[in-house]
Amino acid sequence: REDQKIAAITAHRSQHPDVDRMQTRVRAFLQDNARRGGLPEGRSAEA
């Protein structure tokens, strides 16, 4: 559901001066959440 989340965030176009960086950072945050939560490598999570 990463793409769905990013599409929802990107819908707030007035808030994103650098869309590509935002999207990259969001994916990294999701992967970091998964690591902290003990999920297998390559998974994404919200905390």
ModelCIF file with pLDDT and N, C-alpha, C, O atoms, coordinates in Angstrom:
data_MODEL
#
_entry.id   MODEL 
#
_entity.id                         1 
_entity.type                       polymer 
_entity.pdbx_number_of_molecules   1 
#
_entity_poly.entity_id                      1 
_entity_poly.type                           'polypeptide(L)' 
_entity_poly.nstd_linkage                   no 
_entity_poly.nstd_monomer                   no 
_entity_poly.pdbx_seq_one_letter_code       REDQKIAAITAHRSQHPDVDRMQTRVRAFLQDNARRGGLPEGRSAEA 
_entity_poly.pdbx_seq_one_letter_code_can   REDQKIAAITAHRSQHPDVDRMQTRVRAFLQDNARRGGLPEGRSAEA 
_entity_poly.pdbx_strand_id                 A 
#
loop_
_entity_poly_seq.entity_id 
_entity_poly_seq.num 
_entity_poly_seq.mon_id 
_entity_poly_seq.hetero 
1 1  ARG n 
1 2  GLU n 
1 3  ASP n 
1 4  GLN n 
1 5  LYS n 
1 6  ILE n 
1 7  ALA n 
1 8  ALA n 
1 9  ILE n 
1 10 THR n 
1 11 ALA n 
1 12 HIS n 
1 13 ARG n 
1 14 SER n 
1 15 GLN n 
1 16 HIS n 
1 17 PRO n 
1 18 ASP n 
1 19 VAL n 
1 20 ASP n 
1 21 ARG n 
1 22 MET n 
1 23 GLN n 
1 24 THR n 
1 25 ARG n 
1 26 VAL n 
1 27 ARG n 
1 28 ALA n 
1 29 PHE n 
1 30 LEU n 
1 31 GLN n 
1 32 ASP n 
1 33 ASN n 
1 34 ALA n 
1 35 ARG n 
1 36 ARG n 
1 37 GLY n 
1 38 GLY n 
1 39 LEU n 
1 40 PRO n 
1 41 GLU n 
1 42 GLY n 
1 43 ARG n 
1 44 SER n 
1 45 ALA n 
1 46 GLU n 
1 47 ALA n 
#
_struct_asym.id          A 
_struct_asym.entity_id   1 
#
loop_
_ma_qa_metric.id 
_ma_qa_metric.mode 
_ma_qa_metric.name 
_ma_qa_metric.software_group_id 
_ma_qa_metric.type 
1 global pLDDT . pLDDT 
2 local  pLDDT . pLDDT 
#
_ma_qa_metric_global.metric_id      1 
_ma_qa_metric_global.metric_value   96.36 
_ma_qa_metric_global.model_id       1 
_ma_qa_metric_global.ordinal_id     1 
#
loop_
_ma_qa_metric_local.label_asym_id 
_ma_qa_metric_local.label_comp_id 
_ma_qa_metric_local.label_seq_id 
_ma_qa_metric_local.metric_id 
_ma_qa_metric_local.metric_value 
_ma_qa_metric_local.model_id 
_ma_qa_metric_local.ordinal_id 
A ARG 1  2 98.00 1 1  
A GLU 2  2 98.00 1 2  
A ASP 3  2 98.00 1 3  
A GLN 4  2 98.00 1 4  
A LYS 5  2 98.00 1 5  
A ILE 6  2 98.00 1 6  
A ALA 7  2 98.00 1 7  
A ALA 8  2 98.00 1 8  
A ILE 9  2 98.00 1 9  
A THR 10 2 97.00 1 10 
A ALA 11 2 97.00 1 11 
A HIS 12 2 96.00 1 12 
A ARG 13 2 92.00 1 13 
A SER 14 2 91.00 1 14 
A GLN 15 2 89.00 1 15 
A HIS 16 2 89.00 1 16 
A PRO 17 2 89.00 1 17 
A ASP 18 2 93.00 1 18 
A VAL 19 2 94.00 1 19 
A ASP 20 2 96.00 1 20 
A ARG 21 2 96.00 1 21 
A MET 22 2 94.00 1 22 
A GLN 23 2 96.00 1 23 
A THR 24 2 97.00 1 24 
A ARG 25 2 96.00 1 25 
A VAL 26 2 97.00 1 26 
A ARG 27 2 98.00 1 27 
A ALA 28 2 97.00 1 28 
A PHE 29 2 97.00 1 29 
A LEU 30 2 98.00 1 30 
A GLN 31 2 98.00 1 31 
A ASP 32 2 97.00 1 32 
A ASN 33 2 98.00 1 33 
A ALA 34 2 98.00 1 34 
A ARG 35 2 98.00 1 35 
A ARG 36 2 97.00 1 36 
A GLY 37 2 97.00 1 37 
A GLY 38 2 98.00 1 38 
A LEU 39 2 98.00 1 39 
A PRO 40 2 97.00 1 40 
A GLU 41 2 96.00 1 41 
A GLY 42 2 96.00 1 42 
A ARG 43 2 98.00 1 43 
A SER 44 2 98.00 1 44 
A ALA 45 2 98.00 1 45 
A GLU 46 2 98.00 1 46 
A ALA 47 2 98.00 1 47 
#
loop_
_atom_site.group_PDB 
_atom_site.id 
_atom_site.type_symbol 
_atom_site.label_atom_id 
_atom_site.label_alt_id 
_atom_site.label_comp_id 
_atom_site.label_asym_id 
_atom_site.label_entity_id 
_atom_site.label_seq_id 
_atom_site.pdbx_PDB_ins_code 
_atom_site.Cartn_x 
_atom_site.Cartn_y 
_atom_site.Cartn_z 
_atom_site.occupancy 
_atom_site.B_iso_or_equiv 
_atom_site.pdbx_formal_charge 
_atom_site.auth_seq_id 
_atom_site.auth_comp_id 
_atom_site.auth_asym_id 
_atom_site.auth_atom_id 
_atom_site.pdbx_PDB_model_num 
ATOM 1   N N  . ARG A 1 1  ? 0.817  -1.214 0.000  1.00 98.00 ? 1  ARG A N  1 
ATOM 2   C CA . ARG A 1 1  ? 0.000  0.000  0.000  1.00 98.00 ? 1  ARG A CA 1 
ATOM 3   C C  . ARG A 1 1  ? 0.857  1.273  0.000  1.00 98.00 ? 1  ARG A C  1 
ATOM 4   O O  . ARG A 1 1  ? 0.347  2.369  0.229  1.00 98.00 ? 1  ARG A O  1 
ATOM 5   N N  . GLU A 1 2  ? 2.143  1.120  -0.255 1.00 98.00 ? 2  GLU A N  1 
ATOM 6   C CA . GLU A 1 2  ? 3.028  2.281  -0.266 1.00 98.00 ? 2  GLU A CA 1 
ATOM 7   C C  . GLU A 1 2  ? 2.608  3.295  -1.333 1.00 98.00 ? 2  GLU A C  1 
ATOM 8   O O  . GLU A 1 2  ? 2.570  4.497  -1.069 1.00 98.00 ? 2  GLU A O  1 
ATOM 9   N N  . ASP A 1 3  ? 2.294  2.811  -2.534 1.00 98.00 ? 3  ASP A N  1 
ATOM 10  C CA . ASP A 1 3  ? 1.919  3.728  -3.607 1.00 98.00 ? 3  ASP A CA 1 
ATOM 11  C C  . ASP A 1 3  ? 0.622  4.457  -3.293 1.00 98.00 ? 3  ASP A C  1 
ATOM 12  O O  . ASP A 1 3  ? 0.465  5.630  -3.634 1.00 98.00 ? 3  ASP A O  1 
ATOM 13  N N  . GLN A 1 4  ? -0.300 3.770  -2.650 1.00 98.00 ? 4  GLN A N  1 
ATOM 14  C CA . GLN A 1 4  ? -1.574 4.381  -2.271 1.00 98.00 ? 4  GLN A CA 1 
ATOM 15  C C  . GLN A 1 4  ? -1.347 5.499  -1.257 1.00 98.00 ? 4  GLN A C  1 
ATOM 16  O O  . GLN A 1 4  ? -1.941 6.573  -1.355 1.00 98.00 ? 4  GLN A O  1 
ATOM 17  N N  . LYS A 1 5  ? -0.480 5.232  -0.282 1.00 98.00 ? 5  LYS A N  1 
ATOM 18  C CA . LYS A 1 5  ? -0.151 6.245  0.717  1.00 98.00 ? 5  LYS A CA 1 
ATOM 19  C C  . LYS A 1 5  ? 0.517  7.453  0.064  1.00 98.00 ? 5  LYS A C  1 
ATOM 20  O O  . LYS A 1 5  ? 0.160  8.597  0.345  1.00 98.00 ? 5  LYS A O  1 
ATOM 21  N N  . ILE A 1 6  ? 1.472  7.194  -0.794 1.00 98.00 ? 6  ILE A N  1 
ATOM 22  C CA . ILE A 1 6  ? 2.198  8.290  -1.425 1.00 98.00 ? 6  ILE A CA 1 
ATOM 23  C C  . ILE A 1 6  ? 1.282  9.110  -2.328 1.00 98.00 ? 6  ILE A C  1 
ATOM 24  O O  . ILE A 1 6  ? 1.420  10.330 -2.414 1.00 98.00 ? 6  ILE A O  1 
ATOM 25  N N  . ALA A 1 7  ? 0.351  8.445  -2.996 1.00 98.00 ? 7  ALA A N  1 
ATOM 26  C CA . ALA A 1 7  ? -0.617 9.179  -3.820 1.00 98.00 ? 7  ALA A CA 1 
ATOM 27  C C  . ALA A 1 7  ? -1.469 10.097 -2.945 1.00 98.00 ? 7  ALA A C  1 
ATOM 28  O O  . ALA A 1 7  ? -1.762 11.228 -3.332 1.00 98.00 ? 7  ALA A O  1 
ATOM 29  N N  . ALA A 1 8  ? -1.867 9.613  -1.769 1.00 98.00 ? 8  ALA A N  1 
ATOM 30  C CA . ALA A 1 8  ? -2.669 10.443 -0.867 1.00 98.00 ? 8  ALA A CA 1 
ATOM 31  C C  . ALA A 1 8  ? -1.874 11.648 -0.375 1.00 98.00 ? 8  ALA A C  1 
ATOM 32  O O  . ALA A 1 8  ? -2.405 12.757 -0.309 1.00 98.00 ? 8  ALA A O  1 
ATOM 33  N N  . ILE A 1 9  ? -0.612 11.439 -0.032 1.00 98.00 ? 9  ILE A N  1 
ATOM 34  C CA . ILE A 1 9  ? 0.221  12.560 0.406  1.00 98.00 ? 9  ILE A CA 1 
ATOM 35  C C  . ILE A 1 9  ? 0.436  13.543 -0.738 1.00 98.00 ? 9  ILE A C  1 
ATOM 36  O O  . ILE A 1 9  ? 0.366  14.756 -0.540 1.00 98.00 ? 9  ILE A O  1 
ATOM 37  N N  . THR A 1 10 ? 0.692  13.027 -1.919 1.00 97.00 ? 10 THR A N  1 
ATOM 38  C CA . THR A 1 10 ? 0.970  13.872 -3.078 1.00 97.00 ? 10 THR A CA 1 
ATOM 39  C C  . THR A 1 10 ? -0.246 14.698 -3.478 1.00 97.00 ? 10 THR A C  1 
ATOM 40  O O  . THR A 1 10 ? -0.100 15.738 -4.120 1.00 97.00 ? 10 THR A O  1 
ATOM 41  N N  . ALA A 1 11 ? -1.445 14.249 -3.108 1.00 97.00 ? 11 ALA A N  1 
ATOM 42  C CA . ALA A 1 11 ? -2.656 15.020 -3.406 1.00 97.00 ? 11 ALA A CA 1 
ATOM 43  C C  . ALA A 1 11 ? -2.628 16.397 -2.754 1.00 97.00 ? 11 ALA A C  1 
ATOM 44  O O  . ALA A 1 11 ? -3.330 17.311 -3.187 1.00 97.00 ? 11 ALA A O  1 
ATOM 45  N N  . HIS A 1 12 ? -1.817 16.541 -1.716 1.00 96.00 ? 12 HIS A N  1 
ATOM 46  C CA . HIS A 1 12 ? -1.669 17.849 -1.060 1.00 96.00 ? 12 HIS A CA 1 
ATOM 47  C C  . HIS A 1 12 ? -0.583 18.635 -1.798 1.00 96.00 ? 12 HIS A C  1 
ATOM 48  O O  . HIS A 1 12 ? 0.473  18.932 -1.238 1.00 96.00 ? 12 HIS A O  1 
ATOM 49  N N  . ARG A 1 13 ? -0.854 18.960 -3.038 1.00 92.00 ? 13 ARG A N  1 
ATOM 50  C CA . ARG A 1 13 ? 0.190  19.525 -3.908 1.00 92.00 ? 13 ARG A CA 1 
ATOM 51  C C  . ARG A 1 13 ? 0.718  20.848 -3.382 1.00 92.00 ? 13 ARG A C  1 
ATOM 52  O O  . ARG A 1 13 ? 1.879  21.180 -3.623 1.00 92.00 ? 13 ARG A O  1 
ATOM 53  N N  . SER A 1 14 ? -0.111 21.622 -2.660 1.00 91.00 ? 14 SER A N  1 
ATOM 54  C CA . SER A 1 14 ? 0.333  22.923 -2.170 1.00 91.00 ? 14 SER A CA 1 
ATOM 55  C C  . SER A 1 14 ? 1.407  22.804 -1.098 1.00 91.00 ? 14 SER A C  1 
ATOM 56  O O  . SER A 1 14 ? 2.024  23.806 -0.734 1.00 91.00 ? 14 SER A O  1 
ATOM 57  N N  . GLN A 1 15 ? 1.644  21.597 -0.583 1.00 89.00 ? 15 GLN A N  1 
ATOM 58  C CA . GLN A 1 15 ? 2.562  21.412 0.541  1.00 89.00 ? 15 GLN A CA 1 
ATOM 59  C C  . GLN A 1 15 ? 3.916  20.829 0.144  1.00 89.00 ? 15 GLN A C  1 
ATOM 60  O O  . GLN A 1 15 ? 4.767  20.607 1.004  1.00 89.00 ? 15 GLN A O  1 
ATOM 61  N N  . HIS A 1 16 ? 4.125  20.579 -1.154 1.00 89.00 ? 16 HIS A N  1 
ATOM 62  C CA . HIS A 1 16 ? 5.319  19.830 -1.546 1.00 89.00 ? 16 HIS A CA 1 
ATOM 63  C C  . HIS A 1 16 ? 6.153  20.569 -2.590 1.00 89.00 ? 16 HIS A C  1 
ATOM 64  O O  . HIS A 1 16 ? 5.874  20.482 -3.786 1.00 89.00 ? 16 HIS A O  1 
ATOM 65  N N  . PRO A 1 17 ? 7.182  21.300 -2.136 1.00 89.00 ? 17 PRO A N  1 
ATOM 66  C CA . PRO A 1 17 ? 8.065  21.967 -3.092 1.00 89.00 ? 17 PRO A CA 1 
ATOM 67  C C  . PRO A 1 17 ? 8.989  20.991 -3.817 1.00 89.00 ? 17 PRO A C  1 
ATOM 68  O O  . PRO A 1 17 ? 9.512  21.318 -4.882 1.00 89.00 ? 17 PRO A O  1 
ATOM 69  N N  . ASP A 1 18 ? 9.197  19.795 -3.256 1.00 93.00 ? 18 ASP A N  1 
ATOM 70  C CA . ASP A 1 18 ? 10.070 18.787 -3.863 1.00 93.00 ? 18 ASP A CA 1 
ATOM 71  C C  . ASP A 1 18 ? 9.384  17.429 -3.719 1.00 93.00 ? 18 ASP A C  1 
ATOM 72  O O  . ASP A 1 18 ? 9.623  16.701 -2.755 1.00 93.00 ? 18 ASP A O  1 
ATOM 73  N N  . VAL A 1 19 ? 8.535  17.100 -4.682 1.00 94.00 ? 19 VAL A N  1 
ATOM 74  C CA . VAL A 1 19 ? 7.716  15.888 -4.603 1.00 94.00 ? 19 VAL A CA 1 
ATOM 75  C C  . VAL A 1 19 ? 8.586  14.639 -4.599 1.00 94.00 ? 19 VAL A C  1 
ATOM 76  O O  . VAL A 1 19 ? 8.323  13.711 -3.834 1.00 94.00 ? 19 VAL A O  1 
ATOM 77  N N  . ASP A 1 20 ? 9.611  14.598 -5.433 1.00 96.00 ? 20 ASP A N  1 
ATOM 78  C CA . ASP A 1 20 ? 10.440 13.397 -5.526 1.00 96.00 ? 20 ASP A CA 1 
ATOM 79  C C  . ASP A 1 20 ? 11.133 13.101 -4.195 1.00 96.00 ? 20 ASP A C  1 
ATOM 80  O O  . ASP A 1 20 ? 11.178 11.951 -3.758 1.00 96.00 ? 20 ASP A O  1 
ATOM 81  N N  . ARG A 1 21 ? 11.667 14.129 -3.559 1.00 96.00 ? 21 ARG A N  1 
ATOM 82  C CA . ARG A 1 21 ? 12.347 13.913 -2.277 1.00 96.00 ? 21 ARG A CA 1 
ATOM 83  C C  . ARG A 1 21 ? 11.343 13.446 -1.227 1.00 96.00 ? 21 ARG A C  1 
ATOM 84  O O  . ARG A 1 21 ? 11.631 12.544 -0.440 1.00 96.00 ? 21 ARG A O  1 
ATOM 85  N N  . MET A 1 22 ? 10.175 14.057 -1.219 1.00 94.00 ? 22 MET A N  1 
ATOM 86  C CA . MET A 1 22 ? 9.153  13.645 -0.252 1.00 94.00 ? 22 MET A CA 1 
ATOM 87  C C  . MET A 1 22 ? 8.821  12.172 -0.421 1.00 94.00 ? 22 MET A C  1 
ATOM 88  O O  . MET A 1 22 ? 8.765  11.431 0.561  1.00 94.00 ? 22 MET A O  1 
ATOM 89  N N  . GLN A 1 23 ? 8.603  11.747 -1.642 1.00 96.00 ? 23 GLN A N  1 
ATOM 90  C CA . GLN A 1 23 ? 8.213  10.362 -1.879 1.00 96.00 ? 23 GLN A CA 1 
ATOM 91  C C  . GLN A 1 23 ? 9.321  9.396  -1.477 1.00 96.00 ? 23 GLN A C  1 
ATOM 92  O O  . GLN A 1 23 ? 9.041  8.329  -0.931 1.00 96.00 ? 23 GLN A O  1 
ATOM 93  N N  . THR A 1 24 ? 10.563 9.754  -1.738 1.00 97.00 ? 24 THR A N  1 
ATOM 94  C CA . THR A 1 24 ? 11.694 8.910  -1.345 1.00 97.00 ? 24 THR A CA 1 
ATOM 95  C C  . THR A 1 24 ? 11.781 8.796  0.172  1.00 97.00 ? 24 THR A C  1 
ATOM 96  O O  . THR A 1 24 ? 12.011 7.713  0.710  1.00 97.00 ? 24 THR A O  1 
ATOM 97  N N  . ARG A 1 25 ? 11.595 9.926  0.861  1.00 96.00 ? 25 ARG A N  1 
ATOM 98  C CA . ARG A 1 25 ? 11.691 9.917  2.312  1.00 96.00 ? 25 ARG A CA 1 
ATOM 99  C C  . ARG A 1 25 ? 10.556 9.103  2.934  1.00 96.00 ? 25 ARG A C  1 
ATOM 100 O O  . ARG A 1 25 ? 10.773 8.383  3.909  1.00 96.00 ? 25 ARG A O  1 
ATOM 101 N N  . VAL A 1 26 ? 9.354  9.212  2.381  1.00 97.00 ? 26 VAL A N  1 
ATOM 102 C CA . VAL A 1 26 ? 8.223  8.456  2.924  1.00 97.00 ? 26 VAL A CA 1 
ATOM 103 C C  . VAL A 1 26 ? 8.485  6.961  2.829  1.00 97.00 ? 26 VAL A C  1 
ATOM 104 O O  . VAL A 1 26 ? 8.234  6.231  3.788  1.00 97.00 ? 26 VAL A O  1 
ATOM 105 N N  . ARG A 1 27 ? 8.983  6.495  1.694  1.00 98.00 ? 27 ARG A N  1 
ATOM 106 C CA . ARG A 1 27 ? 9.287  5.067  1.552  1.00 98.00 ? 27 ARG A CA 1 
ATOM 107 C C  . ARG A 1 27 ? 10.351 4.639  2.566  1.00 98.00 ? 27 ARG A C  1 
ATOM 108 O O  . ARG A 1 27 ? 10.283 3.545  3.126  1.00 98.00 ? 27 ARG A O  1 
ATOM 109 N N  . ALA A 1 28 ? 11.330 5.511  2.793  1.00 97.00 ? 28 ALA A N  1 
ATOM 110 C CA . ALA A 1 28 ? 12.378 5.185  3.767  1.00 97.00 ? 28 ALA A CA 1 
ATOM 111 C C  . ALA A 1 28 ? 11.817 5.117  5.184  1.00 97.00 ? 28 ALA A C  1 
ATOM 112 O O  . ALA A 1 28 ? 12.199 4.242  5.960  1.00 97.00 ? 28 ALA A O  1 
ATOM 113 N N  . PHE A 1 29 ? 10.911 6.035  5.526  1.00 97.00 ? 29 PHE A N  1 
ATOM 114 C CA . PHE A 1 29 ? 10.279 6.008  6.841  1.00 97.00 ? 29 PHE A CA 1 
ATOM 115 C C  . PHE A 1 29 ? 9.497  4.715  7.043  1.00 97.00 ? 29 PHE A C  1 
ATOM 116 O O  . PHE A 1 29 ? 9.565  4.110  8.113  1.00 97.00 ? 29 PHE A O  1 
ATOM 117 N N  . LEU A 1 30 ? 8.757  4.289  6.025  1.00 98.00 ? 30 LEU A N  1 
ATOM 118 C CA . LEU A 1 30 ? 7.965  3.066  6.139  1.00 98.00 ? 30 LEU A CA 1 
ATOM 119 C C  . LEU A 1 30 ? 8.865  1.848  6.362  1.00 98.00 ? 30 LEU A C  1 
ATOM 120 O O  . LEU A 1 30 ? 8.541  0.969  7.162  1.00 98.00 ? 30 LEU A O  1 
ATOM 121 N N  . GLN A 1 31 ? 9.980  1.802  5.662  1.00 98.00 ? 31 GLN A N  1 
ATOM 122 C CA . GLN A 1 31 ? 10.903 0.678  5.826  1.00 98.00 ? 31 GLN A CA 1 
ATOM 123 C C  . GLN A 1 31 ? 11.568 0.712  7.194  1.00 98.00 ? 31 GLN A C  1 
ATOM 124 O O  . GLN A 1 31 ? 11.793 -0.334 7.802  1.00 98.00 ? 31 GLN A O  1 
ATOM 125 N N  . ASP A 1 32 ? 11.886 1.918  7.687  1.00 97.00 ? 32 ASP A N  1 
ATOM 126 C CA . ASP A 1 32 ? 12.479 2.035  9.017  1.00 97.00 ? 32 ASP A CA 1 
ATOM 127 C C  . ASP A 1 32 ? 11.484 1.602  10.093 1.00 97.00 ? 32 ASP A C  1 
ATOM 128 O O  . ASP A 1 32 ? 11.862 0.939  11.059 1.00 97.00 ? 32 ASP A O  1 
ATOM 129 N N  . ASN A 1 33 ? 10.212 1.976  9.929  1.00 98.00 ? 33 ASN A N  1 
ATOM 130 C CA . ASN A 1 33 ? 9.183  1.518  10.870 1.00 98.00 ? 33 ASN A CA 1 
ATOM 131 C C  . ASN A 1 33 ? 9.144  -0.009 10.931 1.00 98.00 ? 33 ASN A C  1 
ATOM 132 O O  . ASN A 1 33 ? 9.068  -0.603 12.006 1.00 98.00 ? 33 ASN A O  1 
ATOM 133 N N  . ALA A 1 34 ? 9.198  -0.627 9.752  1.00 98.00 ? 34 ALA A N  1 
ATOM 134 C CA . ALA A 1 34 ? 9.137  -2.087 9.688  1.00 98.00 ? 34 ALA A CA 1 
ATOM 135 C C  . ALA A 1 34 ? 10.324 -2.716 10.410 1.00 98.00 ? 34 ALA A C  1 
ATOM 136 O O  . ALA A 1 34 ? 10.163 -3.715 11.112 1.00 98.00 ? 34 ALA A O  1 
ATOM 137 N N  . ARG A 1 35 ? 11.499 -2.149 10.247 1.00 98.00 ? 35 ARG A N  1 
ATOM 138 C CA . ARG A 1 35 ? 12.682 -2.677 10.939 1.00 98.00 ? 35 ARG A CA 1 
ATOM 139 C C  . ARG A 1 35 ? 12.512 -2.556 12.448 1.00 98.00 ? 35 ARG A C  1 
ATOM 140 O O  . ARG A 1 35 ? 12.803 -3.503 13.179 1.00 98.00 ? 35 ARG A O  1 
ATOM 141 N N  . ARG A 1 36 ? 12.045 -1.408 12.921 1.00 97.00 ? 36 ARG A N  1 
ATOM 142 C CA . ARG A 1 36 ? 11.848 -1.234 14.367 1.00 97.00 ? 36 ARG A CA 1 
ATOM 143 C C  . ARG A 1 36 ? 10.787 -2.188 14.898 1.00 97.00 ? 36 ARG A C  1 
ATOM 144 O O  . ARG A 1 36 ? 10.847 -2.621 16.049 1.00 97.00 ? 36 ARG A O  1 
ATOM 145 N N  . GLY A 1 37 ? 9.821  -2.508 14.056 1.00 97.00 ? 37 GLY A N  1 
ATOM 146 C CA . GLY A 1 37 ? 8.765  -3.412 14.462 1.00 97.00 ? 37 GLY A CA 1 
ATOM 147 C C  . GLY A 1 37 ? 9.114  -4.878 14.324 1.00 97.00 ? 37 GLY A C  1 
ATOM 148 O O  . GLY A 1 37 ? 8.297  -5.742 14.645 1.00 97.00 ? 37 GLY A O  1 
ATOM 149 N N  . GLY A 1 38 ? 10.319 -5.174 13.848 1.00 98.00 ? 38 GLY A N  1 
ATOM 150 C CA . GLY A 1 38 ? 10.757 -6.558 13.723 1.00 98.00 ? 38 GLY A CA 1 
ATOM 151 C C  . GLY A 1 38 ? 10.183 -7.280 12.525 1.00 98.00 ? 38 GLY A C  1 
ATOM 152 O O  . GLY A 1 38 ? 10.172 -8.511 12.504 1.00 98.00 ? 38 GLY A O  1 
ATOM 153 N N  . LEU A 1 39 ? 9.702  -6.551 11.521 1.00 98.00 ? 39 LEU A N  1 
ATOM 154 C CA . LEU A 1 39 ? 9.186  -7.184 10.310 1.00 98.00 ? 39 LEU A CA 1 
ATOM 155 C C  . LEU A 1 39 ? 10.347 -7.607 9.420  1.00 98.00 ? 39 LEU A C  1 
ATOM 156 O O  . LEU A 1 39 ? 11.443 -7.060 9.538  1.00 98.00 ? 39 LEU A O  1 
ATOM 157 N N  . PRO A 1 40 ? 10.121 -8.581 8.525  1.00 97.00 ? 40 PRO A N  1 
ATOM 158 C CA . PRO A 1 40 ? 11.195 -9.025 7.633  1.00 97.00 ? 40 PRO A CA 1 
ATOM 159 C C  . PRO A 1 40 ? 11.715 -7.893 6.744  1.00 97.00 ? 40 PRO A C  1 
ATOM 160 O O  . PRO A 1 40 ? 10.994 -6.939 6.449  1.00 97.00 ? 40 PRO A O  1 
ATOM 161 N N  . GLU A 1 41 ? 12.946 -8.012 6.335  1.00 96.00 ? 41 GLU A N  1 
ATOM 162 C CA . GLU A 1 41 ? 13.573 -7.027 5.459  1.00 96.00 ? 41 GLU A CA 1 
ATOM 163 C C  . GLU A 1 41 ? 12.737 -6.845 4.198  1.00 96.00 ? 41 GLU A C  1 
ATOM 164 O O  . GLU A 1 41 ? 12.249 -7.812 3.615  1.00 96.00 ? 41 GLU A O  1 
ATOM 165 N N  . GLY A 1 42 ? 12.582 -5.595 3.792  1.00 96.00 ? 42 GLY A N  1 
ATOM 166 C CA . GLY A 1 42 ? 11.826 -5.298 2.577  1.00 96.00 ? 42 GLY A CA 1 
ATOM 167 C C  . GLY A 1 42 ? 10.363 -4.979 2.822  1.00 96.00 ? 42 GLY A C  1 
ATOM 168 O O  . GLY A 1 42 ? 9.646  -4.608 1.893  1.00 96.00 ? 42 GLY A O  1 
ATOM 169 N N  . ARG A 1 43 ? 9.909  -5.120 4.069  1.00 98.00 ? 43 ARG A N  1 
ATOM 170 C CA . ARG A 1 43 ? 8.517  -4.802 4.378  1.00 98.00 ? 43 ARG A CA 1 
ATOM 171 C C  . ARG A 1 43 ? 8.381  -3.323 4.720  1.00 98.00 ? 43 ARG A C  1 
ATOM 172 O O  . ARG A 1 43 ? 9.372  -2.640 4.980  1.00 98.00 ? 43 ARG A O  1 
ATOM 173 N N  . SER A 1 44 ? 7.138  -2.837 4.715  1.00 98.00 ? 44 SER A N  1 
ATOM 174 C CA . SER A 1 44 ? 6.825  -1.463 5.085  1.00 98.00 ? 44 SER A CA 1 
ATOM 175 C C  . SER A 1 44 ? 5.797  -1.483 6.208  1.00 98.00 ? 44 SER A C  1 
ATOM 176 O O  . SER A 1 44 ? 4.947  -2.372 6.271  1.00 98.00 ? 44 SER A O  1 
ATOM 177 N N  . ALA A 1 45 ? 5.882  -0.494 7.094  1.00 98.00 ? 45 ALA A N  1 
ATOM 178 C CA . ALA A 1 45 ? 4.946  -0.449 8.220  1.00 98.00 ? 45 ALA A CA 1 
ATOM 179 C C  . ALA A 1 45 ? 4.662  0.985  8.621  1.00 98.00 ? 45 ALA A C  1 
ATOM 180 O O  . ALA A 1 45 ? 5.463  1.892  8.394  1.00 98.00 ? 45 ALA A O  1 
ATOM 181 N N  . GLU A 1 46 ? 3.491  1.162  9.226  1.00 98.00 ? 46 GLU A N  1 
ATOM 182 C CA . GLU A 1 46 ? 3.170  2.385  9.942  1.00 98.00 ? 46 GLU A CA 1 
ATOM 183 C C  . GLU A 1 46 ? 3.165  2.054  11.430 1.00 98.00 ? 46 GLU A C  1 
ATOM 184 O O  . GLU A 1 46 ? 2.772  0.959  11.833 1.00 98.00 ? 46 GLU A O  1 
ATOM 185 N N  . ALA A 1 47 ? 3.614  3.029  12.254 1.00 98.00 ? 47 ALA A N  1 
ATOM 186 C CA . ALA A 1 47 ? 3.819  2.787  13.679 1.00 98.00 ? 47 ALA A CA 1 
ATOM 187 C C  . ALA A 1 47 ? 2.833  3.605  14.512 1.00 98.00 ? 47 ALA A C  1 
ATOM 188 O O  . ALA A 1 47 ? 2.854  3.531  15.741 1.00 98.00 ? 47 ALA A O  1 
#
